[in-house]
Amino acid sequence: MSTANNRFSGNITHTFRQCSNLTDLVLAGNNLSGEIPGYVGVLPLVTLELSQNEFHGKQPDGLWTSKTLLEITLSNNMLTGGISPEIAIVAWLERLMPDNNLLEGPIPREIGELKNLN
């Protein structure tokens, strides 16, 4: 599902929770805000593209325990905190783009264990 580059606003707290067959969630380039909901890690997502919005807060722990995600793009938001060492659980991750946020702390060494990351 792609709704990229529109003028959607508000939060997605409960919007996609029941989408048990959703594999691609592309919401880039809108005016969405609030925290990224923890349920994104339990959806069968392959692609999560939330860049160029106004998401804030820490990345949900569930994001790093997904069994299906290949691409996570969180660029150009207002996310805080750091990248969890649990990122190693997403061993098949091919693309990670958390740039242009307010992230801090060390880059977890576990990122080096992601053999498919490019």
PDB file of N, CA and C in Angstrom:
ATOM      1  N   MET A   1       0.845  -1.164   0.000  1.00  0.00           N
ATOM      2  CA  MET A   1       0.000   0.000   0.000  1.00  0.00           C
ATOM      3  C   MET A   1       0.892   1.228   0.000  1.00  0.00           C
ATOM      4  N   SER A   2       0.622   2.121  -0.911  1.00  0.00           N
ATOM      5  CA  SER A   2       1.390   3.353  -0.973  1.00  0.00           C
ATOM      6  C   SER A   2       0.453   4.556  -1.011  1.00  0.00           C
ATOM      7  N   THR A   3       0.677   5.466  -0.080  1.00  0.00           N
ATOM      8  CA  THR A   3      -0.027   6.748  -0.075  1.00  0.00           C
ATOM      9  C   THR A   3       1.009   7.874  -0.031  1.00  0.00           C
ATOM     10  N   ALA A   4       2.145   7.631  -0.640  1.00  0.00           N
ATOM     11  CA  ALA A   4       3.264   8.571  -0.567  1.00  0.00           C
ATOM     12  C   ALA A   4       2.938   9.899  -1.234  1.00  0.00           C
ATOM     13  N   ASN A   5       3.570  10.937  -0.689  1.00  0.00           N
ATOM     14  CA  ASN A   5       3.545  12.279  -1.261  1.00  0.00           C
ATOM     15  C   ASN A   5       2.146  12.845  -1.443  1.00  0.00           C
ATOM     16  N   ASN A   6       1.393  12.799  -0.364  1.00  0.00           N
ATOM     17  CA  ASN A   6       0.079  13.423  -0.320  1.00  0.00           C
ATOM     18  C   ASN A   6       0.063  14.411   0.833  1.00  0.00           C
ATOM     19  N   ARG A   7      -1.091  14.702   1.327  1.00  0.00           N
ATOM     20  CA  ARG A   7      -1.216  15.625   2.454  1.00  0.00           C
ATOM     21  C   ARG A   7      -1.927  14.969   3.629  1.00  0.00           C
ATOM     22  N   PHE A   8      -1.760  13.647   3.771  1.00  0.00           N
ATOM     23  CA  PHE A   8      -2.382  12.968   4.895  1.00  0.00           C
ATOM     24  C   PHE A   8      -1.757  13.453   6.196  1.00  0.00           C
ATOM     25  N   SER A   9      -2.571  13.551   7.237  1.00  0.00           N
ATOM     26  CA  SER A   9      -2.072  14.034   8.522  1.00  0.00           C
ATOM     27  C   SER A   9      -2.659  13.171   9.643  1.00  0.00           C
ATOM     28  N   GLY A  10      -2.196  13.448  10.850  1.00  0.00           N
ATOM     29  CA  GLY A  10      -2.661  12.704  12.014  1.00  0.00           C
ATOM     30  C   GLY A  10      -1.717  11.563  12.337  1.00  0.00           C
ATOM     31  N   ASN A  11      -2.160  10.684  13.228  1.00  0.00           N
ATOM     32  CA  ASN A  11      -1.301   9.566  13.620  1.00  0.00           C
ATOM     33  C   ASN A  11      -1.844   8.262  13.040  1.00  0.00           C
ATOM     34  N   ILE A  12      -1.035   7.236  13.117  1.00  0.00           N
ATOM     35  CA  ILE A  12      -1.433   5.925  12.590  1.00  0.00           C
ATOM     36  C   ILE A  12      -1.499   4.896  13.720  1.00  0.00           C
ATOM     37  N   THR A  13      -1.815   5.364  14.925  1.00  0.00           N
ATOM     38  CA  THR A  13      -1.805   4.515  16.107  1.00  0.00           C
ATOM     39  C   THR A  13      -2.559   3.208  15.911  1.00  0.00           C
ATOM     40  N   HIS A  14      -3.759   3.263  15.352  1.00  0.00           N
ATOM     41  CA  HIS A  14      -4.561   2.049  15.194  1.00  0.00           C
ATOM     42  C   HIS A  14      -4.900   1.741  13.733  1.00  0.00           C
ATOM     43  N   THR A  15      -4.489   2.575  12.830  1.00  0.00           N
ATOM     44  CA  THR A  15      -4.927   2.500  11.440  1.00  0.00           C
ATOM     45  C   THR A  15      -4.679   1.163  10.764  1.00  0.00           C
ATOM     46  N   PHE A  16      -3.506   0.600  10.891  1.00  0.00           N
ATOM     47  CA  PHE A  16      -3.143  -0.592  10.132  1.00  0.00           C
ATOM     48  C   PHE A  16      -3.034  -1.855  10.995  1.00  0.00           C
ATOM     49  N   ARG A  17      -3.429  -1.776  12.219  1.00  0.00           N
ATOM     50  CA  ARG A  17      -3.277  -2.877  13.181  1.00  0.00           C
ATOM     51  C   ARG A  17      -3.875  -4.199  12.689  1.00  0.00           C
ATOM     52  N   GLN A  18      -4.995  -4.159  12.016  1.00  0.00           N
ATOM     53  CA  GLN A  18      -5.695  -5.372  11.584  1.00  0.00           C
ATOM     54  C   GLN A  18      -5.316  -5.827  10.176  1.00  0.00           C
ATOM     55  N   CYS A  19      -4.369  -5.187   9.544  1.00  0.00           N
ATOM     56  CA  CYS A  19      -3.984  -5.517   8.162  1.00  0.00           C
ATOM     57  C   CYS A  19      -3.015  -6.694   8.152  1.00  0.00           C
ATOM     58  N   SER A  20      -3.525  -7.863   8.373  1.00  0.00           N
ATOM     59  CA  SER A  20      -2.687  -9.045   8.562  1.00  0.00           C
ATOM     60  C   SER A  20      -2.015  -9.555   7.286  1.00  0.00           C
ATOM     61  N   ASN A  21      -2.358  -9.000   6.126  1.00  0.00           N
ATOM     62  CA  ASN A  21      -1.720  -9.401   4.869  1.00  0.00           C
ATOM     63  C   ASN A  21      -0.895  -8.282   4.251  1.00  0.00           C
ATOM     64  N   LEU A  22      -0.724  -7.188   4.961  1.00  0.00           N
ATOM     65  CA  LEU A  22      -0.016  -6.024   4.442  1.00  0.00           C
ATOM     66  C   LEU A  22       1.489  -6.280   4.401  1.00  0.00           C
ATOM     67  N   THR A  23       2.081  -6.212   3.209  1.00  0.00           N
ATOM     68  CA  THR A  23       3.517  -6.466   3.083  1.00  0.00           C
ATOM     69  C   THR A  23       4.326  -5.203   2.813  1.00  0.00           C
ATOM     70  N   ASP A  24       3.697  -4.190   2.242  1.00  0.00           N
ATOM     71  CA  ASP A  24       4.395  -2.940   1.950  1.00  0.00           C
ATOM     72  C   ASP A  24       3.576  -1.779   2.490  1.00  0.00           C
ATOM     73  N   LEU A  25       4.180  -1.000   3.361  1.00  0.00           N
ATOM     74  CA  LEU A  25       3.517   0.176   3.915  1.00  0.00           C
ATOM     75  C   LEU A  25       4.387   1.384   3.591  1.00  0.00           C
ATOM     76  N   VAL A  26       3.946   2.160   2.612  1.00  0.00           N
ATOM     77  CA  VAL A  26       4.699   3.316   2.132  1.00  0.00           C
ATOM     78  C   VAL A  26       3.852   4.557   2.388  1.00  0.00           C
ATOM     79  N   LEU A  27       4.261   5.326   3.394  1.00  0.00           N
ATOM     80  CA  LEU A  27       3.531   6.524   3.804  1.00  0.00           C
ATOM     81  C   LEU A  27       4.407   7.771   3.723  1.00  0.00           C
ATOM     82  N   ALA A  28       5.456   7.708   2.959  1.00  0.00           N
ATOM     83  CA  ALA A  28       6.436   8.796   2.880  1.00  0.00           C
ATOM     84  C   ALA A  28       5.830  10.074   2.303  1.00  0.00           C
ATOM     85  N   GLY A  29       6.384  11.197   2.748  1.00  0.00           N
ATOM     86  CA  GLY A  29       6.042  12.478   2.160  1.00  0.00           C
ATOM     87  C   GLY A  29       4.649  12.979   2.481  1.00  0.00           C
ATOM     88  N   ASN A  30       4.172  12.707   3.678  1.00  0.00           N
ATOM     89  CA  ASN A  30       2.888  13.223   4.133  1.00  0.00           C
ATOM     90  C   ASN A  30       3.124  14.117   5.341  1.00  0.00           C
ATOM     91  N   ASN A  31       2.105  14.359   6.113  1.00  0.00           N
ATOM     92  CA  ASN A  31       2.218  15.131   7.354  1.00  0.00           C
ATOM     93  C   ASN A  31       1.780  14.284   8.541  1.00  0.00           C
ATOM     94  N   LEU A  32       2.121  13.012   8.515  1.00  0.00           N
ATOM     95  CA  LEU A  32       1.748  12.110   9.595  1.00  0.00           C
ATOM     96  C   LEU A  32       2.601  12.386  10.825  1.00  0.00           C
ATOM     97  N   SER A  33       2.025  12.194  11.993  1.00  0.00           N
ATOM     98  CA  SER A  33       2.740  12.529  13.233  1.00  0.00           C
ATOM     99  C   SER A  33       2.453  11.493  14.308  1.00  0.00           C
ATOM    100  N   GLY A  34       2.987  11.748  15.481  1.00  0.00           N
ATOM    101  CA  GLY A  34       2.829  10.825  16.595  1.00  0.00           C
ATOM    102  C   GLY A  34       3.969   9.824  16.609  1.00  0.00           C
ATOM    103  N   GLU A  35       3.818   8.825  17.442  1.00  0.00           N
ATOM    104  CA  GLU A  35       4.843   7.789  17.539  1.00  0.00           C
ATOM    105  C   GLU A  35       4.550   6.675  16.540  1.00  0.00           C
ATOM    106  N   ILE A  36       5.590   5.993  16.124  1.00  0.00           N
ATOM    107  CA  ILE A  36       5.413   4.830  15.257  1.00  0.00           C
ATOM    108  C   ILE A  36       4.857   3.714  16.136  1.00  0.00           C
ATOM    109  N   PRO A  37       3.720   3.153  15.767  1.00  0.00           N
ATOM    110  CA  PRO A  37       3.116   2.133  16.626  1.00  0.00           C
ATOM    111  C   PRO A  37       3.917   0.840  16.681  1.00  0.00           C
ATOM    112  N   GLY A  38       3.915   0.211  17.836  1.00  0.00           N
ATOM    113  CA  GLY A  38       4.669  -1.020  18.031  1.00  0.00           C
ATOM    114  C   GLY A  38       4.190  -2.182  17.180  1.00  0.00           C
ATOM    115  N   TYR A  39       2.934  -2.150  16.749  1.00  0.00           N
ATOM    116  CA  TYR A  39       2.414  -3.276  15.981  1.00  0.00           C
ATOM    117  C   TYR A  39       3.061  -3.427  14.608  1.00  0.00           C
ATOM    118  N   VAL A  40       3.815  -2.447  14.131  1.00  0.00           N
ATOM    119  CA  VAL A  40       4.450  -2.593  12.815  1.00  0.00           C
ATOM    120  C   VAL A  40       5.407  -3.784  12.800  1.00  0.00           C
ATOM    121  N   GLY A  41       5.930  -4.162  13.934  1.00  0.00           N
ATOM    122  CA  GLY A  41       6.841  -5.301  13.997  1.00  0.00           C
ATOM    123  C   GLY A  41       6.167  -6.651  13.888  1.00  0.00           C
ATOM    124  N   VAL A  42       4.853  -6.712  14.107  1.00  0.00           N
ATOM    125  CA  VAL A  42       4.152  -7.992  13.999  1.00  0.00           C
ATOM    126  C   VAL A  42       3.389  -8.139  12.687  1.00  0.00           C
ATOM    127  N   LEU A  43       3.271  -7.070  11.929  1.00  0.00           N
ATOM    128  CA  LEU A  43       2.666  -7.176  10.603  1.00  0.00           C
ATOM    129  C   LEU A  43       3.651  -7.890   9.683  1.00  0.00           C
ATOM    130  N   PRO A  44       3.184  -8.536   8.624  1.00  0.00           N
ATOM    131  CA  PRO A  44       4.100  -9.240   7.719  1.00  0.00           C
ATOM    132  C   PRO A  44       4.786  -8.305   6.716  1.00  0.00           C
ATOM    133  N   LEU A  45       5.175  -7.128   7.178  1.00  0.00           N
ATOM    134  CA  LEU A  45       5.764  -6.124   6.290  1.00  0.00           C
ATOM    135  C   LEU A  45       7.124  -6.550   5.755  1.00  0.00           C
ATOM    136  N   VAL A  46       7.340  -6.291   4.481  1.00  0.00           N
ATOM    137  CA  VAL A  46       8.637  -6.448   3.850  1.00  0.00           C
ATOM    138  C   VAL A  46       9.278  -5.069   3.735  1.00  0.00           C
ATOM    139  N   THR A  47       8.442  -4.063   3.450  1.00  0.00           N
ATOM    140  CA  THR A  47       8.896  -2.680   3.306  1.00  0.00           C
ATOM    141  C   THR A  47       8.116  -1.783   4.250  1.00  0.00           C
ATOM    142  N   LEU A  48       8.838  -0.983   5.033  1.00  0.00           N
ATOM    143  CA  LEU A  48       8.242   0.042   5.879  1.00  0.00           C
ATOM    144  C   LEU A  48       8.910   1.355   5.518  1.00  0.00           C
ATOM    145  N   GLU A  49       8.169   2.245   4.893  1.00  0.00           N
ATOM    146  CA  GLU A  49       8.697   3.521   4.405  1.00  0.00           C
ATOM    147  C   GLU A  49       7.885   4.643   5.040  1.00  0.00           C
ATOM    148  N   LEU A  50       8.479   5.284   6.063  1.00  0.00           N
ATOM    149  CA  LEU A  50       7.799   6.347   6.802  1.00  0.00           C
ATOM    150  C   LEU A  50       8.533   7.679   6.717  1.00  0.00           C
ATOM    151  N   SER A  51       9.409   7.843   5.770  1.00  0.00           N
ATOM    152  CA  SER A  51      10.230   9.047   5.694  1.00  0.00           C
ATOM    153  C   SER A  51       9.410  10.290   5.357  1.00  0.00           C
ATOM    154  N   GLN A  52       9.986  11.420   5.659  1.00  0.00           N
ATOM    155  CA  GLN A  52       9.441  12.740   5.345  1.00  0.00           C
ATOM    156  C   GLN A  52       8.047  12.946   5.917  1.00  0.00           C
ATOM    157  N   ASN A  53       7.937  12.673   7.210  1.00  0.00           N
ATOM    158  CA  ASN A  53       6.723  12.936   7.965  1.00  0.00           C
ATOM    159  C   ASN A  53       7.119  13.676   9.225  1.00  0.00           C
ATOM    160  N   GLU A  54       6.306  13.594  10.242  1.00  0.00           N
ATOM    161  CA  GLU A  54       6.598  14.264  11.505  1.00  0.00           C
ATOM    162  C   GLU A  54       6.513  13.286  12.674  1.00  0.00           C
ATOM    163  N   PHE A  55       6.912  12.030  12.432  1.00  0.00           N
ATOM    164  CA  PHE A  55       6.906  11.042  13.502  1.00  0.00           C
ATOM    165  C   PHE A  55       7.938  11.438  14.554  1.00  0.00           C
ATOM    166  N   HIS A  56       7.623  11.204  15.806  1.00  0.00           N
ATOM    167  CA  HIS A  56       8.548  11.551  16.892  1.00  0.00           C
ATOM    168  C   HIS A  56       8.569  10.417  17.916  1.00  0.00           C
ATOM    169  N   GLY A  57       9.446  10.574  18.884  1.00  0.00           N
ATOM    170  CA  GLY A  57       9.597   9.550  19.914  1.00  0.00           C
ATOM    171  C   GLY A  57      10.594   8.489  19.480  1.00  0.00           C
ATOM    172  N   LYS A  58      10.692   7.464  20.292  1.00  0.00           N
ATOM    173  CA  LYS A  58      11.637   6.383  20.008  1.00  0.00           C
ATOM    174  C   LYS A  58      11.032   5.396  19.015  1.00  0.00           C
ATOM    175  N   GLN A  59      11.908   4.700  18.325  1.00  0.00           N
ATOM    176  CA  GLN A  59      11.432   3.647  17.442  1.00  0.00           C
ATOM    177  C   GLN A  59      10.896   2.525  18.317  1.00  0.00           C
ATOM    178  N   PRO A  60       9.772   1.934  17.950  1.00  0.00           N
ATOM    179  CA  PRO A  60       9.209   0.883  18.800  1.00  0.00           C
ATOM    180  C   PRO A  60      10.092  -0.357  18.821  1.00  0.00           C
ATOM    181  N   ASP A  61      10.180  -1.002  19.975  1.00  0.00           N
ATOM    182  CA  ASP A  61      10.985  -2.220  20.105  1.00  0.00           C
ATOM    183  C   ASP A  61      10.547  -3.289  19.115  1.00  0.00           C
ATOM    184  N   GLY A  62       9.248  -3.352  18.844  1.00  0.00           N
ATOM    185  CA  GLY A  62       8.732  -4.354  17.920  1.00  0.00           C
ATOM    186  C   GLY A  62       9.301  -4.248  16.524  1.00  0.00           C
ATOM    187  N   LEU A  63       9.758  -3.071  16.172  1.00  0.00           N
ATOM    188  CA  LEU A  63      10.341  -2.871  14.847  1.00  0.00           C
ATOM    189  C   LEU A  63      11.557  -3.762  14.638  1.00  0.00           C
ATOM    190  N   TRP A  64      12.327  -3.962  15.690  1.00  0.00           N
ATOM    191  CA  TRP A  64      13.578  -4.715  15.586  1.00  0.00           C
ATOM    192  C   TRP A  64      13.394  -6.212  15.780  1.00  0.00           C
ATOM    193  N   THR A  65      12.172  -6.648  15.987  1.00  0.00           N
ATOM    194  CA  THR A  65      11.927  -8.079  16.145  1.00  0.00           C
ATOM    195  C   THR A  65      11.097  -8.647  15.001  1.00  0.00           C
ATOM    196  N   SER A  66      10.928  -7.878  13.947  1.00  0.00           N
ATOM    197  CA  SER A  66      10.159  -8.333  12.789  1.00  0.00           C
ATOM    198  C   SER A  66      10.842  -9.537  12.144  1.00  0.00           C
ATOM    199  N   LYS A  67      10.053 -10.453  11.687  1.00  0.00           N
ATOM    200  CA  LYS A  67      10.574 -11.643  11.010  1.00  0.00           C
ATOM    201  C   LYS A  67      10.544 -11.496   9.493  1.00  0.00           C
ATOM    202  N   THR A  68      10.030 -10.359   8.984  1.00  0.00           N
ATOM    203  CA  THR A  68       9.830 -10.221   7.541  1.00  0.00           C
ATOM    204  C   THR A  68      10.452  -8.976   6.911  1.00  0.00           C
ATOM    205  N   LEU A  69      10.753  -7.953   7.688  1.00  0.00           N
ATOM    206  CA  LEU A  69      11.204  -6.682   7.111  1.00  0.00           C
ATOM    207  C   LEU A  69      12.534  -6.804   6.369  1.00  0.00           C
ATOM    208  N   LEU A  70      12.549  -6.292   5.155  1.00  0.00           N
ATOM    209  CA  LEU A  70      13.777  -6.192   4.367  1.00  0.00           C
ATOM    210  C   LEU A  70      14.238  -4.746   4.253  1.00  0.00           C
ATOM    211  N   GLU A  71      13.294  -3.816   4.352  1.00  0.00           N
ATOM    212  CA  GLU A  71      13.624  -2.402   4.175  1.00  0.00           C
ATOM    213  C   GLU A  71      12.896  -1.559   5.213  1.00  0.00           C
ATOM    214  N   ILE A  72      13.678  -0.738   5.938  1.00  0.00           N
ATOM    215  CA  ILE A  72      13.134   0.189   6.926  1.00  0.00           C
ATOM    216  C   ILE A  72      13.668   1.574   6.588  1.00  0.00           C
ATOM    217  N   THR A  73      12.767   2.478   6.216  1.00  0.00           N
ATOM    218  CA  THR A  73      13.165   3.845   5.886  1.00  0.00           C
ATOM    219  C   THR A  73      12.408   4.800   6.800  1.00  0.00           C
ATOM    220  N   LEU A  74      13.154   5.472   7.672  1.00  0.00           N
ATOM    221  CA  LEU A  74      12.588   6.376   8.666  1.00  0.00           C
ATOM    222  C   LEU A  74      13.136   7.793   8.527  1.00  0.00           C
ATOM    223  N   SER A  75      13.757   8.097   7.429  1.00  0.00           N
ATOM    224  CA  SER A  75      14.447   9.374   7.211  1.00  0.00           C
ATOM    225  C   SER A  75      13.529  10.582   7.374  1.00  0.00           C
ATOM    226  N   ASN A  76      14.136  11.681   7.798  1.00  0.00           N
ATOM    227  CA  ASN A  76      13.478  12.982   7.840  1.00  0.00           C
ATOM    228  C   ASN A  76      12.209  13.009   8.687  1.00  0.00           C
ATOM    229  N   ASN A  77      12.355  12.562   9.908  1.00  0.00           N
ATOM    230  CA  ASN A  77      11.309  12.668  10.910  1.00  0.00           C
ATOM    231  C   ASN A  77      11.924  13.341  12.131  1.00  0.00           C
ATOM    232  N   MET A  78      11.360  13.138  13.285  1.00  0.00           N
ATOM    233  CA  MET A  78      11.897  13.701  14.527  1.00  0.00           C
ATOM    234  C   MET A  78      12.073  12.597  15.565  1.00  0.00           C
ATOM    235  N   LEU A  79      12.539  11.442  15.121  1.00  0.00           N
ATOM    236  CA  LEU A  79      12.718  10.300  16.007  1.00  0.00           C
ATOM    237  C   LEU A  79      13.887  10.518  16.951  1.00  0.00           C
ATOM    238  N   THR A  80      13.762  10.039  18.169  1.00  0.00           N
ATOM    239  CA  THR A  80      14.796  10.217  19.188  1.00  0.00           C
ATOM    240  C   THR A  80      15.281   8.859  19.680  1.00  0.00           C
ATOM    241  N   GLY A  81      16.232   8.904  20.590  1.00  0.00           N
ATOM    242  CA  GLY A  81      16.791   7.666  21.129  1.00  0.00           C
ATOM    243  C   GLY A  81      17.875   7.139  20.210  1.00  0.00           C
ATOM    244  N   GLY A  82      18.088   5.846  20.262  1.00  0.00           N
ATOM    245  CA  GLY A  82      19.122   5.235  19.438  1.00  0.00           C
ATOM    246  C   GLY A  82      18.572   4.046  18.683  1.00  0.00           C
ATOM    247  N   ILE A  83      19.450   3.363  18.018  1.00  0.00           N
ATOM    248  CA  ILE A  83      19.086   2.139  17.313  1.00  0.00           C
ATOM    249  C   ILE A  83      19.366   0.983  18.271  1.00  0.00           C
ATOM    250  N   SER A  84      18.382   0.158  18.478  1.00  0.00           N
ATOM    251  CA  SER A  84      18.496  -0.939  19.437  1.00  0.00           C
ATOM    252  C   SER A  84      19.476  -2.013  18.965  1.00  0.00           C
ATOM    253  N   PRO A  85      20.258  -2.586  19.867  1.00  0.00           N
ATOM    254  CA  PRO A  85      21.100  -3.727  19.512  1.00  0.00           C
ATOM    255  C   PRO A  85      20.282  -4.924  19.029  1.00  0.00           C
ATOM    256  N   GLU A  86      18.985  -4.920  19.337  1.00  0.00           N
ATOM    257  CA  GLU A  86      18.117  -5.999  18.857  1.00  0.00           C
ATOM    258  C   GLU A  86      17.968  -5.997  17.346  1.00  0.00           C
ATOM    259  N   ILE A  87      18.537  -5.007  16.682  1.00  0.00           N
ATOM    260  CA  ILE A  87      18.469  -4.956  15.228  1.00  0.00           C
ATOM    261  C   ILE A  87      19.041  -6.233  14.604  1.00  0.00           C
ATOM    262  N   ALA A  88      19.915  -6.910  15.305  1.00  0.00           N
ATOM    263  CA  ALA A  88      20.509  -8.151  14.787  1.00  0.00           C
ATOM    264  C   ALA A  88      19.453  -9.229  14.566  1.00  0.00           C
ATOM    265  N   ILE A  89      18.305  -9.117  15.232  1.00  0.00           N
ATOM    266  CA  ILE A  89      17.221 -10.079  15.046  1.00  0.00           C
ATOM    267  C   ILE A  89      16.668  -9.999  13.621  1.00  0.00           C
ATOM    268  N   VAL A  90      16.709  -8.814  13.032  1.00  0.00           N
ATOM    269  CA  VAL A  90      16.234  -8.615  11.664  1.00  0.00           C
ATOM    270  C   VAL A  90      17.400  -8.949  10.722  1.00  0.00           C
ATOM    271  N   ALA A  91      17.888 -10.166  10.805  1.00  0.00           N
ATOM    272  CA  ALA A  91      19.125 -10.591  10.148  1.00  0.00           C
ATOM    273  C   ALA A  91      19.106 -10.446   8.635  1.00  0.00           C
ATOM    274  N   TRP A  92      17.951 -10.477   8.024  1.00  0.00           N
ATOM    275  CA  TRP A  92      17.842 -10.430   6.558  1.00  0.00           C
ATOM    276  C   TRP A  92      17.653  -9.013   6.046  1.00  0.00           C
ATOM    277  N   LEU A  93      17.689  -8.020   6.940  1.00  0.00           N
ATOM    278  CA  LEU A  93      17.487  -6.628   6.564  1.00  0.00           C
ATOM    279  C   LEU A  93      18.461  -6.216   5.463  1.00  0.00           C
ATOM    280  N   GLU A  94      17.926  -5.628   4.396  1.00  0.00           N
ATOM    281  CA  GLU A  94      18.745  -5.196   3.260  1.00  0.00           C
ATOM    282  C   GLU A  94      18.976  -3.692   3.242  1.00  0.00           C
ATOM    283  N   ARG A  95      18.025  -2.940   3.776  1.00  0.00           N
ATOM    284  CA  ARG A  95      18.145  -1.480   3.709  1.00  0.00           C
ATOM    285  C   ARG A  95      17.635  -0.875   5.008  1.00  0.00           C
ATOM    286  N   LEU A  96      18.457  -0.010   5.593  1.00  0.00           N
ATOM    287  CA  LEU A  96      18.104   0.710   6.813  1.00  0.00           C
ATOM    288  C   LEU A  96      18.470   2.166   6.607  1.00  0.00           C
ATOM    289  N   MET A  97      17.472   3.042   6.682  1.00  0.00           N
ATOM    290  CA  MET A  97      17.716   4.467   6.470  1.00  0.00           C
ATOM    291  C   MET A  97      17.049   5.280   7.585  1.00  0.00           C
ATOM    292  N   PRO A  98      17.779   5.517   8.688  1.00  0.00           N
ATOM    293  CA  PRO A  98      17.236   6.329   9.772  1.00  0.00           C
ATOM    294  C   PRO A  98      17.767   7.769   9.760  1.00  0.00           C
ATOM    295  N   ASP A  99      18.291   8.224   8.638  1.00  0.00           N
ATOM    296  CA  ASP A  99      18.979   9.517   8.576  1.00  0.00           C
ATOM    297  C   ASP A  99      18.037  10.715   8.784  1.00  0.00           C
ATOM    298  N   ASN A 100      18.639  11.826   9.165  1.00  0.00           N
ATOM    299  CA  ASN A 100      17.950  13.096   9.389  1.00  0.00           C
ATOM    300  C   ASN A 100      16.832  12.996  10.426  1.00  0.00           C
ATOM    301  N   ASN A 101      17.181  12.482  11.585  1.00  0.00           N
ATOM    302  CA  ASN A 101      16.306  12.437  12.747  1.00  0.00           C
ATOM    303  C   ASN A 101      17.072  13.052  13.915  1.00  0.00           C
ATOM    304  N   LEU A 102      16.675  12.763  15.110  1.00  0.00           N
ATOM    305  CA  LEU A 102      17.352  13.259  16.309  1.00  0.00           C
ATOM    306  C   LEU A 102      17.948  12.097  17.101  1.00  0.00           C
ATOM    307  N   LEU A 103      18.408  11.078  16.400  1.00  0.00           N
ATOM    308  CA  LEU A 103      18.955   9.886  17.038  1.00  0.00           C
ATOM    309  C   LEU A 103      20.284  10.204  17.707  1.00  0.00           C
ATOM    310  N   GLU A 104      20.597   9.451  18.756  1.00  0.00           N
ATOM    311  CA  GLU A 104      21.847   9.673  19.485  1.00  0.00           C
ATOM    312  C   GLU A 104      22.342   8.367  20.072  1.00  0.00           C
ATOM    313  N   GLY A 105      23.520   8.426  20.643  1.00  0.00           N
ATOM    314  CA  GLY A 105      24.110   7.241  21.247  1.00  0.00           C
ATOM    315  C   GLY A 105      24.986   6.508  20.252  1.00  0.00           C
ATOM    316  N   PRO A 106      25.545   5.390  20.677  1.00  0.00           N
ATOM    317  CA  PRO A 106      26.442   4.641  19.788  1.00  0.00           C
ATOM    318  C   PRO A 106      25.660   3.904  18.696  1.00  0.00           C
ATOM    319  N   ILE A 107      26.320   3.700  17.585  1.00  0.00           N
ATOM    320  CA  ILE A 107      25.766   2.841  16.549  1.00  0.00           C
ATOM    321  C   ILE A 107      26.022   1.415  17.009  1.00  0.00           C
ATOM    322  N   PRO A 108      24.993   0.600  17.146  1.00  0.00           N
ATOM    323  CA  PRO A 108      25.201  -0.743  17.686  1.00  0.00           C
ATOM    324  C   PRO A 108      26.108  -1.594  16.803  1.00  0.00           C
ATOM    325  N   ARG A 109      27.036  -2.287  17.424  1.00  0.00           N
ATOM    326  CA  ARG A 109      27.957  -3.139  16.666  1.00  0.00           C
ATOM    327  C   ARG A 109      27.207  -4.249  15.956  1.00  0.00           C
ATOM    328  N   GLU A 110      26.005  -4.565  16.443  1.00  0.00           N
ATOM    329  CA  GLU A 110      25.187  -5.624  15.841  1.00  0.00           C
ATOM    330  C   GLU A 110      24.812  -5.326  14.397  1.00  0.00           C
ATOM    331  N   ILE A 111      24.869  -4.046  14.012  1.00  0.00           N
ATOM    332  CA  ILE A 111      24.597  -3.697  12.606  1.00  0.00           C
ATOM    333  C   ILE A 111      25.595  -4.410  11.711  1.00  0.00           C
ATOM    334  N   GLY A 112      26.808  -4.614  12.196  1.00  0.00           N
ATOM    335  CA  GLY A 112      27.829  -5.320  11.420  1.00  0.00           C
ATOM    336  C   GLY A 112      27.496  -6.780  11.172  1.00  0.00           C
ATOM    337  N   GLU A 113      26.533  -7.325  11.902  1.00  0.00           N
ATOM    338  CA  GLU A 113      26.116  -8.707  11.713  1.00  0.00           C
ATOM    339  C   GLU A 113      25.061  -8.867  10.626  1.00  0.00           C
ATOM    340  N   LEU A 114      24.584  -7.751  10.087  1.00  0.00           N
ATOM    341  CA  LEU A 114      23.547  -7.792   9.056  1.00  0.00           C
ATOM    342  C   LEU A 114      24.202  -7.983   7.698  1.00  0.00           C
ATOM    343  N   LYS A 115      24.337  -9.213   7.294  1.00  0.00           N
ATOM    344  CA  LYS A 115      25.089  -9.589   6.091  1.00  0.00           C
ATOM    345  C   LYS A 115      24.471  -9.081   4.790  1.00  0.00           C
ATOM    346  N   ASN A 116      23.160  -8.849   4.769  1.00  0.00           N
ATOM    347  CA  ASN A 116      22.484  -8.417   3.545  1.00  0.00           C
ATOM    348  C   ASN A 116      22.346  -6.922   3.428  1.00  0.00           C
ATOM    349  N   LEU A 117      22.756  -6.189   4.463  1.00  0.00           N
ATOM    350  CA  LEU A 117      22.595  -4.736   4.478  1.00  0.00           C
ATOM    351  C   LEU A 117      23.434  -4.090   3.385  1.00  0.00           C
ATOM    352  N   ASN A 118      22.796  -3.223   2.610  1.00  0.00           N
ATOM    353  CA  ASN A 118      23.549  -2.507   1.565  1.00  0.00           C
ATOM    354  C   ASN A 118      23.241  -1.036   1.605  1.00  0.00           C
TER     355      ASN A 118
END
